[in-house]
Amino acid sequence: MGQKLLFQMLSYNKFHHIFLERTKNMRILLALAFTVVLFGQSALADEKITVETLAADTRSWDGSVFQYPEGGAEITVAKLSLPSGTKLPLHCHPEPMAAYVLKGEIEVTNASGQTKSFKKGDAFIEVMNRWHKGSVKGKDTQLIVFYAGKKNQPLSISKDGDSSLAGRCE
């Protein structure tokens, strides 16, 4: 009986020691979290966080409307690098698309001949379901492009391609 009592006491002491150690660690973590929150908020208050809307509209650059495709949504963000002199063929996008020009300049022309140029620092909302083409003006150009599309749907359709989505393009 004495051994069993001694074993229970040792087990209790071991459990109690582990519990106290974990509690101590938890108190240290809580103190650190409180410090980070307290001082982190004052550090954020000192920082000048700004938000600048680069493009927001219900219409694309040529005034045409766009809508989101039905089905499983998929956002794609891509960096498009276009060498100087690049001519993009006639194509259309079956989903809303916006772009930001990192460097260079691109000129976009829709099927009716309306043209608009976008240079470094410009953001624009591209035409949807409308045939258009693009050409790089001057030096190499880079765009960050945001597509709000549908899962497993192409981001761009060539006028010369055989996509079933081409029928949607005007």
Protein backbone atom coordinates (compact mmCIF):
# COMPACT_ATOMS: atom_id res chain seq x y z
CA MET A 1 0.00 0.00 0.00
CA GLY A 2 2.88 2.33 0.77
CA GLN A 3 4.38 1.92 -2.70
CA LYS A 4 1.07 2.68 -4.36
CA LEU A 5 0.66 5.85 -2.29
CA LEU A 6 4.26 6.88 -3.07
CA PHE A 7 3.65 6.24 -6.80
CA GLN A 8 0.45 8.31 -6.70
CA MET A 9 2.25 11.15 -4.92
CA LEU A 10 5.10 11.09 -7.46
CA SER A 11 2.62 10.97 -10.32
CA TYR A 12 0.70 13.88 -8.82
CA ASN A 13 3.90 15.88 -8.34
CA LYS A 14 4.97 15.15 -11.91
CA PHE A 15 1.53 16.14 -13.25
CA HIS A 16 1.47 19.22 -11.02
CA HIS A 17 4.97 20.22 -12.20
CA ILE A 18 3.96 19.81 -15.89
CA PHE A 19 0.75 21.78 -15.26
CA LEU A 20 2.66 24.61 -13.54
CA GLU A 21 5.26 24.67 -16.33
CA ARG A 22 2.57 24.84 -19.03
CA THR A 23 0.69 27.51 -17.09
CA LYS A 24 3.91 29.51 -16.75
CA ASN A 25 4.54 29.18 -20.50
CA MET A 26 0.96 30.23 -21.24
CA ARG A 27 1.35 33.30 -18.99
CA ILE A 28 4.55 34.25 -20.83
CA LEU A 29 2.84 33.83 -24.23
CA LEU A 30 -0.15 35.90 -23.10
CA ALA A 31 2.17 38.63 -21.79
CA LEU A 32 4.05 38.65 -25.11
CA ALA A 33 0.81 38.76 -27.08
CA PHE A 34 -0.49 41.62 -24.94
CA THR A 35 2.80 43.51 -25.43
CA VAL A 36 2.71 43.01 -29.20
CA VAL A 37 -0.92 44.13 -29.40
CA LEU A 38 -0.37 47.12 -27.11
CA PHE A 39 2.85 48.35 -28.70
CA GLY A 40 1.99 47.10 -32.19
CA GLN A 41 -1.12 49.27 -32.26
CA SER A 42 0.82 52.35 -31.23
CA ALA A 43 3.43 51.57 -33.90
CA LEU A 44 0.67 51.26 -36.51
CA ALA A 45 -0.81 54.54 -35.36
CA ASP A 46 2.55 56.18 -36.07
CA GLU A 47 2.70 54.69 -39.59
CA LYS A 48 0.88 56.41 -42.43
CA ILE A 49 -1.06 53.61 -44.06
CA THR A 50 -2.69 54.81 -47.24
CA VAL A 51 -4.99 53.18 -49.77
CA GLU A 52 -5.12 54.60 -53.27
CA THR A 53 -7.78 53.26 -55.62
CA LEU A 54 -6.15 52.83 -59.00
CA ALA A 55 -9.23 51.81 -60.98
CA ALA A 56 -12.87 51.28 -60.03
CA ASP A 57 -15.78 51.37 -62.45
CA THR A 58 -18.80 49.49 -63.71
CA ARG A 59 -17.57 49.90 -67.29
CA SER A 60 -14.37 49.18 -69.18
CA TRP A 61 -12.06 51.79 -70.70
CA ASP A 62 -14.22 52.05 -73.85
CA GLY A 63 -17.50 52.42 -71.91
CA SER A 64 -18.76 48.86 -72.41
CA VAL A 65 -20.30 47.02 -69.46
CA PHE A 66 -19.05 43.78 -67.98
CA GLN A 67 -20.46 41.07 -65.72
CA TYR A 68 -19.01 38.21 -63.77
CA PRO A 69 -19.29 34.74 -65.30
CA GLU A 70 -21.53 32.18 -63.60
CA GLY A 71 -19.97 29.12 -62.01
CA GLY A 72 -17.00 28.46 -59.77
CA ALA A 73 -15.14 31.75 -59.43
CA GLU A 74 -11.39 31.90 -59.93
CA ILE A 75 -9.15 34.95 -59.53
CA THR A 76 -5.94 34.98 -61.57
CA VAL A 77 -3.17 37.52 -61.13
CA ALA A 78 -0.51 37.46 -63.86
CA LYS A 79 2.56 39.45 -64.82
CA LEU A 80 2.60 40.05 -68.56
CA SER A 81 5.99 40.96 -70.07
CA LEU A 82 5.82 42.31 -73.62
CA PRO A 83 8.98 43.11 -75.61
CA SER A 84 9.23 46.36 -77.54
CA GLY A 85 7.28 46.21 -80.80
CA THR A 86 4.93 43.42 -79.66
CA LYS A 87 1.57 43.37 -81.46
CA LEU A 88 -1.14 41.42 -79.68
CA PRO A 89 -3.57 39.80 -82.14
CA LEU A 90 -7.32 40.37 -82.11
CA HIS A 91 -8.66 38.63 -79.01
CA CYS A 92 -11.30 38.93 -76.28
CA HIS A 93 -11.63 38.11 -72.59
CA PRO A 94 -14.65 36.11 -71.37
CA GLU A 95 -14.27 37.56 -67.86
CA PRO A 96 -13.66 40.94 -66.24
CA MET A 97 -10.01 41.96 -66.37
CA ALA A 98 -8.07 44.88 -64.95
CA ALA A 99 -4.43 45.76 -65.47
CA TYR A 100 -1.73 47.95 -63.96
CA VAL A 101 1.18 49.10 -66.14
CA LEU A 102 4.45 48.50 -64.26
CA LYS A 103 6.63 49.87 -67.04
CA GLY A 104 6.39 50.92 -70.65
CA GLU A 105 3.26 51.75 -72.61
CA ILE A 106 0.55 49.76 -74.36
CA GLU A 107 -2.05 50.95 -76.85
CA VAL A 108 -5.35 49.06 -76.99
CA THR A 109 -7.77 49.26 -79.92
CA ASN A 110 -11.28 47.79 -79.92
CA ALA A 111 -13.08 46.37 -82.96
CA SER A 112 -14.76 49.69 -83.75
CA GLY A 113 -11.38 51.42 -83.93
CA GLN A 114 -11.50 53.24 -80.60
CA THR A 115 -7.95 53.45 -79.23
CA LYS A 116 -6.52 54.27 -75.82
CA SER A 117 -2.92 54.26 -74.53
CA PHE A 118 -1.87 53.29 -71.03
CA LYS A 119 1.59 54.08 -69.64
CA LYS A 120 3.61 53.27 -66.52
CA GLY A 121 1.50 53.86 -63.40
CA ASP A 122 -1.85 53.65 -65.22
CA ALA A 123 -4.54 51.17 -64.18
CA PHE A 124 -7.42 50.26 -66.44
CA ILE A 125 -10.40 47.95 -66.78
CA GLU A 126 -10.18 45.99 -70.01
CA VAL A 127 -13.09 45.30 -72.35
CA MET A 128 -14.97 42.02 -71.85
CA ASN A 129 -16.44 39.88 -74.64
CA ARG A 130 -15.33 42.47 -77.20
CA TRP A 131 -12.67 41.92 -79.81
CA HIS A 132 -9.62 44.13 -79.33
CA LYS A 133 -5.89 44.17 -79.98
CA GLY A 134 -2.88 45.76 -78.38
CA SER A 135 0.54 47.04 -79.31
CA VAL A 136 3.56 47.99 -77.24
CA LYS A 137 4.66 51.56 -77.79
CA GLY A 138 8.40 52.18 -77.44
CA LYS A 139 10.27 50.12 -74.87
CA ASP A 140 9.52 46.77 -73.23
CA THR A 141 6.27 46.82 -71.25
CA GLN A 142 5.12 44.95 -68.16
CA LEU A 143 1.58 44.68 -66.85
CA ILE A 144 0.12 43.11 -63.73
CA VAL A 145 -3.21 41.68 -64.89
CA PHE A 146 -6.14 40.66 -62.65
CA TYR A 147 -8.77 38.32 -64.08
CA ALA A 148 -12.05 37.67 -62.21
CA GLY A 149 -12.99 34.53 -64.11
CA LYS A 150 -14.49 31.13 -63.92
CA LYS A 151 -12.56 27.99 -63.00
CA ASN A 152 -11.20 26.15 -66.08
CA GLN A 153 -12.19 28.96 -68.45
CA PRO A 154 -9.55 30.51 -70.74
CA LEU A 155 -8.41 34.02 -69.82
CA SER A 156 -8.18 35.14 -73.42
CA ILE A 157 -9.66 33.91 -76.71
CA SER A 158 -7.97 34.47 -80.05
CA LYS A 159 -10.16 35.63 -82.95
CA ASP A 160 -8.45 32.95 -85.06
CA GLY A 161 -8.99 30.27 -82.39
CA ASP A 162 -11.69 27.65 -82.24
CA SER A 163 -12.97 28.27 -78.71
CA SER A 164 -16.71 27.81 -78.17
CA LEU A 165 -16.55 31.03 -76.13
CA ALA A 166 -15.64 33.06 -79.25
CA GLY A 167 -19.35 33.37 -80.09
CA ARG A 168 -19.83 35.62 -77.06
CA CYS A 169 -17.36 38.18 -78.40
CA GLU A 170 -18.56 41.16 -80.43
